[in-house]
Amino acid sequence: MGKGFLNWLIFILLSIIWGSSFIMMKEGLLNLSAFQVASLRIIFSGIVLLPAAVKHFKSIPNDKVLIIFLSGVLGSLLPAYLFCVAEMGIDGALAGTLNSLTPIFVIITGALFFSSKTSANKILGICIAFTGSILLLLSKGHMHESQNLVYVSYVVLATIFYGFNVNMVHKHLHHIGSIQIASVALTLNAIPALIVLYFTGYFSLPLSNSGILYSTGHAALLGILGTAIASIIFYVLIKRAGAVFSSMVTYGIPIVANFWGIIYGEEVGLKQFACLGLILIGVYIANRKGAD
């Protein structure tokens, strides 16, 4: 199996997992607050990866522990809260579409803070895919309410954090295994998440209530699949394919998020699929030979 083919398989798998995460957030928010869903997401991911974190912690150089913790903060903890708060005001398909800003901020933060260089093919591909994302956003007609812009800003801030994190991992953690990074980062970040969860009053809720159990279950699934497992896969992709291509997973996410939108009765038609096609063309161009 060729390296490029396997990279694309990982790309598709991550797109499916993360594209479905926005619906899981919505289900969690039915009976829990945004801070409770986000906290549970990080806590469950940390619990699942705790055995791996215990196993690998001693093998991590002391000067890399803080960077790994920061990677968890920027790549998982803060975005988890930002996305959950954002979905209180915008739908999952829109949040998934806005997430495609990440590659733009990978390039910007890479140039500003990491002295990274990006090829012409990747810039062209990202511009095309970004245009498709903007057209998709406009075609869904969500921007007429000024209040939505506040919730949109939360997603934009999350993508800035993502962009910085991708560059940081690619530059400073490339010699450390993907499972080591994900397990230690998420286990350490489960501690502040647990503190936040406590102060939200979650443990005072009727935890045996069917609605609370339903939302807690979706938050758990979100943490185990959408954070723990997906983070490991994503770190693998960063190491295999580089920072820019890895970040372009966010262009596959709107496709999955909009398919979920169809199931949940959101407006998705020919205009939306045309925009998604443009996004895929951009991803293809950015990954052509000579695009490294």
Protein backbone atom coordinates (compact mmCIF):
# COMPACT_ATOMS: atom_id res chain seq x y z
CA MET A 1 0.00 0.00 0.00
CA GLY A 2 1.50 3.35 -1.08
CA LYS A 3 2.24 6.09 1.39
CA GLY A 4 -0.03 8.54 -0.42
CA PHE A 5 -2.95 6.10 -0.54
CA LEU A 6 -2.70 5.38 3.18
CA ASN A 7 -2.54 9.10 3.92
CA TRP A 8 -5.82 9.55 2.04
CA LEU A 9 -7.44 6.68 3.95
CA ILE A 10 -6.46 8.36 7.22
CA PHE A 11 -7.77 11.65 5.82
CA ILE A 12 -11.17 10.10 5.03
CA LEU A 13 -11.41 8.32 8.38
CA LEU A 14 -10.70 11.51 10.31
CA SER A 15 -13.19 13.43 8.18
CA ILE A 16 -15.91 10.92 9.07
CA ILE A 17 -15.10 10.94 12.79
CA TRP A 18 -14.77 14.69 13.18
CA GLY A 19 -17.60 15.45 10.77
CA SER A 20 -19.89 13.38 13.00
CA SER A 21 -18.66 15.08 16.17
CA PHE A 22 -20.84 18.14 15.66
CA ILE A 23 -24.00 16.06 15.79
CA MET A 24 -22.78 14.30 18.93
CA MET A 25 -22.23 17.72 20.51
CA LYS A 26 -25.79 18.73 19.63
CA GLU A 27 -27.16 15.58 21.26
CA GLY A 28 -25.06 16.21 24.36
CA LEU A 29 -26.36 19.77 24.59
CA LEU A 30 -29.98 18.56 24.75
CA ASN A 31 -29.72 17.97 28.51
CA LEU A 32 -26.33 19.35 29.55
CA SER A 33 -24.61 22.71 29.37
CA ALA A 34 -21.86 23.47 26.86
CA PHE A 35 -19.19 23.45 29.57
CA GLN A 36 -20.43 20.12 30.90
CA VAL A 37 -20.39 18.43 27.48
CA ALA A 38 -16.92 19.78 26.66
CA SER A 39 -15.54 18.80 30.08
CA LEU A 40 -16.96 15.28 29.83
CA ARG A 41 -15.49 14.96 26.35
CA ILE A 42 -11.96 15.67 27.59
CA ILE A 43 -12.37 13.62 30.77
CA PHE A 44 -13.55 10.49 28.94
CA SER A 45 -10.73 10.83 26.40
CA GLY A 46 -8.24 11.10 29.27
CA ILE A 47 -9.70 8.05 31.03
CA VAL A 48 -9.47 5.92 27.88
CA LEU A 49 -5.86 6.95 27.27
CA LEU A 50 -4.74 6.84 30.92
CA PRO A 51 -3.10 3.37 30.68
CA ALA A 52 -1.09 4.49 27.65
CA ALA A 53 -0.15 7.75 29.39
CA VAL A 54 1.13 5.88 32.45
CA LYS A 55 3.11 3.54 30.22
CA HIS A 56 4.73 6.22 28.08
CA PHE A 57 5.09 9.20 30.43
CA LYS A 58 8.59 8.25 31.67
CA SER A 59 9.88 7.88 28.12
CA ILE A 60 9.05 11.49 27.25
CA PRO A 61 11.91 13.99 27.65
CA ASN A 62 11.29 16.45 30.49
CA ASP A 63 11.59 19.44 28.18
CA LYS A 64 8.75 18.08 26.00
CA VAL A 65 6.14 17.53 28.73
CA LEU A 66 5.04 21.17 28.81
CA ILE A 67 4.82 21.29 25.02
CA ILE A 68 2.67 18.16 25.00
CA PHE A 69 0.40 19.65 27.68
CA LEU A 70 0.08 22.86 25.61
CA SER A 71 -0.69 20.74 22.57
CA GLY A 72 -3.60 19.24 24.48
CA VAL A 73 -4.78 22.69 25.58
CA LEU A 74 -4.66 24.20 22.08
CA GLY A 75 -5.64 21.11 20.11
CA SER A 76 -8.36 19.67 22.35
CA LEU A 77 -9.26 21.41 25.61
CA LEU A 78 -9.98 24.99 24.54
CA PRO A 79 -11.53 24.05 21.16
CA ALA A 80 -13.85 21.59 22.94
CA TYR A 81 -15.33 24.42 25.00
CA LEU A 82 -15.39 26.87 22.10
CA PHE A 83 -17.21 24.50 19.76
CA CYS A 84 -19.79 23.48 22.36
CA VAL A 85 -20.57 27.10 23.21
CA ALA A 86 -20.74 27.92 19.48
CA GLU A 87 -23.26 25.15 18.84
CA MET A 88 -25.65 26.81 21.23
CA GLY A 89 -26.17 29.39 18.48
CA ILE A 90 -25.32 27.73 15.16
CA ASP A 91 -26.02 24.31 13.69
CA GLY A 92 -23.52 21.47 13.40
CA ALA A 93 -23.15 21.67 9.63
CA LEU A 94 -22.24 25.35 9.84
CA ALA A 95 -19.72 24.70 12.64
CA GLY A 96 -18.19 21.92 10.55
CA THR A 97 -17.92 24.23 7.57
CA LEU A 98 -16.30 27.03 9.57
CA ASN A 99 -13.78 24.51 10.87
CA SER A 100 -12.25 24.54 7.39
CA LEU A 101 -10.52 27.80 8.28
CA THR A 102 -7.85 25.70 10.04
CA PRO A 103 -5.44 25.29 7.07
CA ILE A 104 -5.44 29.05 6.55
CA PHE A 105 -4.29 29.55 10.14
CA VAL A 106 -1.77 26.71 9.81
CA ILE A 107 -0.07 28.74 7.07
CA ILE A 108 -0.40 32.06 8.92
CA THR A 109 0.83 30.82 12.32
CA GLY A 110 3.50 28.72 10.59
CA ALA A 111 4.88 31.78 8.81
CA LEU A 112 4.61 34.06 11.86
CA PHE A 113 5.89 31.78 14.61
CA PHE A 114 7.61 28.75 13.07
CA SER A 115 9.42 30.10 9.97
CA SER A 116 7.66 27.49 7.85
CA LYS A 117 7.40 27.59 4.07
CA THR A 118 4.47 26.47 1.95
CA SER A 119 4.54 25.49 -1.73
CA ALA A 120 2.52 27.26 -4.43
CA ASN A 121 0.39 24.15 -5.04
CA LYS A 122 -0.66 23.98 -1.41
CA ILE A 123 -1.52 27.69 -1.29
CA LEU A 124 -3.56 27.38 -4.49
CA GLY A 125 -5.34 24.27 -3.25
CA ILE A 126 -6.13 25.84 0.10
CA CYS A 127 -7.48 28.99 -1.59
CA ILE A 128 -9.77 26.90 -3.81
CA ALA A 129 -10.98 24.77 -0.90
CA PHE A 130 -11.44 27.87 1.25
CA THR A 131 -13.51 29.51 -1.51
CA GLY A 132 -15.69 26.40 -1.60
CA SER A 133 -16.14 26.61 2.16
CA ILE A 134 -17.15 30.29 2.03
CA LEU A 135 -19.63 29.62 -0.78
CA LEU A 136 -21.02 26.71 1.21
CA LEU A 137 -21.37 28.95 4.25
CA LEU A 138 -23.19 31.64 2.24
CA SER A 139 -25.42 29.10 0.49
CA LYS A 140 -26.80 27.94 3.82
CA GLY A 141 -28.10 31.41 4.62
CA HIS A 142 -27.12 31.51 8.29
CA MET A 143 -25.36 34.85 8.37
CA HIS A 144 -28.36 37.18 8.39
CA GLU A 145 -28.54 37.24 12.17
CA SER A 146 -25.84 39.38 13.79
CA GLN A 147 -26.04 37.27 16.96
CA ASN A 148 -24.74 34.29 15.01
CA LEU A 149 -21.51 36.19 14.32
CA VAL A 150 -20.62 35.94 18.01
CA TYR A 151 -20.96 32.14 17.91
CA VAL A 152 -19.07 32.05 14.61
CA SER A 153 -16.19 33.92 16.28
CA TYR A 154 -15.82 31.09 18.81
CA VAL A 155 -15.24 28.61 15.98
CA VAL A 156 -12.76 30.96 14.30
CA LEU A 157 -10.79 31.25 17.55
CA ALA A 158 -10.76 27.45 17.85
CA THR A 159 -9.31 27.14 14.33
CA ILE A 160 -6.55 29.60 15.24
CA PHE A 161 -5.64 27.34 18.16
CA TYR A 162 -5.72 24.32 15.84
CA GLY A 163 -3.41 26.03 13.37
CA PHE A 164 -0.85 26.90 16.03
CA ASN A 165 -1.00 23.40 17.51
CA VAL A 166 -0.44 21.64 14.19
CA ASN A 167 2.73 23.65 13.58
CA MET A 168 3.93 23.15 17.15
CA VAL A 169 3.52 19.37 16.96
CA HIS A 170 5.15 19.19 13.53
CA LYS A 171 8.19 21.20 14.64
CA HIS A 172 8.75 20.22 18.28
CA LEU A 173 7.22 16.76 18.74
CA HIS A 174 8.04 14.95 15.51
CA HIS A 175 10.37 12.48 17.28
CA ILE A 176 7.73 11.44 19.84
CA GLY A 177 5.18 8.74 19.06
CA SER A 178 1.58 9.66 18.24
CA ILE A 179 0.07 7.54 21.02
CA GLN A 180 2.51 9.08 23.51
CA ILE A 181 1.56 12.62 22.55
CA ALA A 182 -2.20 12.04 22.49
CA SER A 183 -2.36 9.96 25.67
CA VAL A 184 -0.22 12.25 27.83
CA ALA A 185 -1.76 15.44 26.45
CA LEU A 186 -5.36 14.35 26.98
CA THR A 187 -4.74 12.70 30.36
CA LEU A 188 -3.08 15.86 31.69
CA ASN A 189 -5.86 18.04 30.29
CA ALA A 190 -8.53 15.85 31.88
CA ILE A 191 -7.50 17.38 35.23
CA PRO A 192 -8.57 20.99 34.46
CA ALA A 193 -11.62 19.61 32.64
CA LEU A 194 -12.64 17.72 35.79
CA ILE A 195 -12.30 20.92 37.83
CA VAL A 196 -14.52 22.81 35.37
CA LEU A 197 -17.06 19.97 35.41
CA TYR A 198 -17.24 20.08 39.21
CA PHE A 199 -17.95 23.82 39.28
CA THR A 200 -20.69 23.49 36.64
CA GLY A 201 -22.72 21.48 39.14
CA TYR A 202 -22.76 18.32 37.05
CA PHE A 203 -22.36 16.02 40.04
CA SER A 204 -25.43 17.59 41.65
CA LEU A 205 -27.62 16.63 38.68
CA PRO A 206 -29.91 13.56 38.78
CA LEU A 207 -27.32 11.42 36.98
CA SER A 208 -29.69 8.44 36.74
CA ASN A 209 -32.18 10.53 34.73
CA SER A 210 -32.60 9.16 31.20
CA GLY A 211 -32.03 12.54 29.58
CA ILE A 212 -28.84 13.18 31.54
CA LEU A 213 -27.62 9.65 30.75
CA TYR A 214 -28.41 10.17 27.05
CA SER A 215 -26.41 13.40 26.81
CA THR A 216 -23.60 12.03 29.00
CA GLY A 217 -23.38 9.00 26.70
CA HIS A 218 -22.98 11.22 23.64
CA ALA A 219 -20.35 13.31 25.44
CA ALA A 220 -18.53 10.08 26.32
CA LEU A 221 -18.69 8.86 22.71
CA LEU A 222 -17.46 12.26 21.61
CA GLY A 223 -14.49 12.00 23.96
CA ILE A 224 -13.57 8.40 23.19
CA LEU A 225 -14.03 8.46 19.42
CA GLY A 226 -13.93 12.13 18.47
CA THR A 227 -11.03 13.09 20.75
CA ALA A 228 -8.98 10.14 22.07
CA ILE A 229 -8.93 7.89 19.01
CA ALA A 230 -9.09 10.74 16.50
CA SER A 231 -6.21 12.61 18.16
CA ILE A 232 -3.93 9.59 17.86
CA ILE A 233 -4.86 9.18 14.19
CA PHE A 234 -4.36 12.90 13.58
CA TYR A 235 -0.88 12.93 15.14
CA VAL A 236 -0.01 9.96 12.91
CA LEU A 237 -1.15 11.94 9.86
CA ILE A 238 0.86 15.02 10.88
CA LYS A 239 4.01 12.91 11.07
CA ARG A 240 3.29 11.10 7.79
CA ALA A 241 1.99 13.90 5.57
CA GLY A 242 3.10 17.17 7.19
CA ALA A 243 1.30 20.06 8.84
CA VAL A 244 -0.57 21.57 5.89
CA PHE A 245 -2.04 18.39 4.42
CA SER A 246 -3.01 17.17 7.88
CA SER A 247 -4.85 20.41 8.59
CA MET A 248 -6.80 19.99 5.36
CA VAL A 249 -8.78 17.22 7.01
CA THR A 250 -10.97 20.15 8.01
CA TYR A 251 -12.06 20.37 4.37
CA GLY A 252 -13.42 16.83 4.50
CA ILE A 253 -15.36 17.56 7.68
CA PRO A 254 -18.02 19.81 6.04
CA ILE A 255 -18.91 17.01 3.63
CA VAL A 256 -19.71 14.63 6.49
CA ALA A 257 -21.32 17.37 8.58
CA ASN A 258 -23.64 18.30 5.72
CA PHE A 259 -24.65 14.68 5.14
CA TRP A 260 -25.65 14.62 8.80
CA GLY A 261 -27.49 17.86 8.08
CA ILE A 262 -29.61 16.03 5.52
CA ILE A 263 -30.51 13.38 8.10
CA TYR A 264 -31.42 16.05 10.65
CA GLY A 265 -33.51 18.04 8.19
CA GLU A 266 -31.16 20.93 7.51
CA GLU A 267 -31.17 22.59 4.10
CA VAL A 268 -28.72 20.74 1.84
CA GLY A 269 -29.18 20.79 -1.95
CA LEU A 270 -27.33 21.00 -5.28
CA LYS A 271 -25.63 24.30 -4.38
CA GLN A 272 -24.19 22.75 -1.24
CA PHE A 273 -22.90 19.67 -3.08
CA ALA A 274 -21.33 21.86 -5.78
CA CYS A 275 -19.46 23.74 -3.05
CA LEU A 276 -18.34 20.47 -1.48
CA GLY A 277 -17.03 19.36 -4.88
CA LEU A 278 -14.99 22.56 -5.10
CA ILE A 279 -13.56 21.83 -1.66
CA LEU A 280 -12.43 18.37 -2.77
CA ILE A 281 -10.79 19.80 -5.90
CA GLY A 282 -8.81 22.16 -3.69
CA VAL A 283 -7.69 19.32 -1.43
CA TYR A 284 -6.59 17.29 -4.47
CA ILE A 285 -4.55 20.18 -5.91
CA ALA A 286 -2.84 20.84 -2.58
CA ASN A 287 -1.77 17.19 -2.34
CA ARG A 288 -0.46 16.74 -5.89
CA LYS A 289 3.14 15.75 -6.46
CA GLY A 290 5.30 18.78 -6.04
CA ALA A 291 3.01 20.16 -3.37
CA ASP A 292 5.29 19.29 -0.47
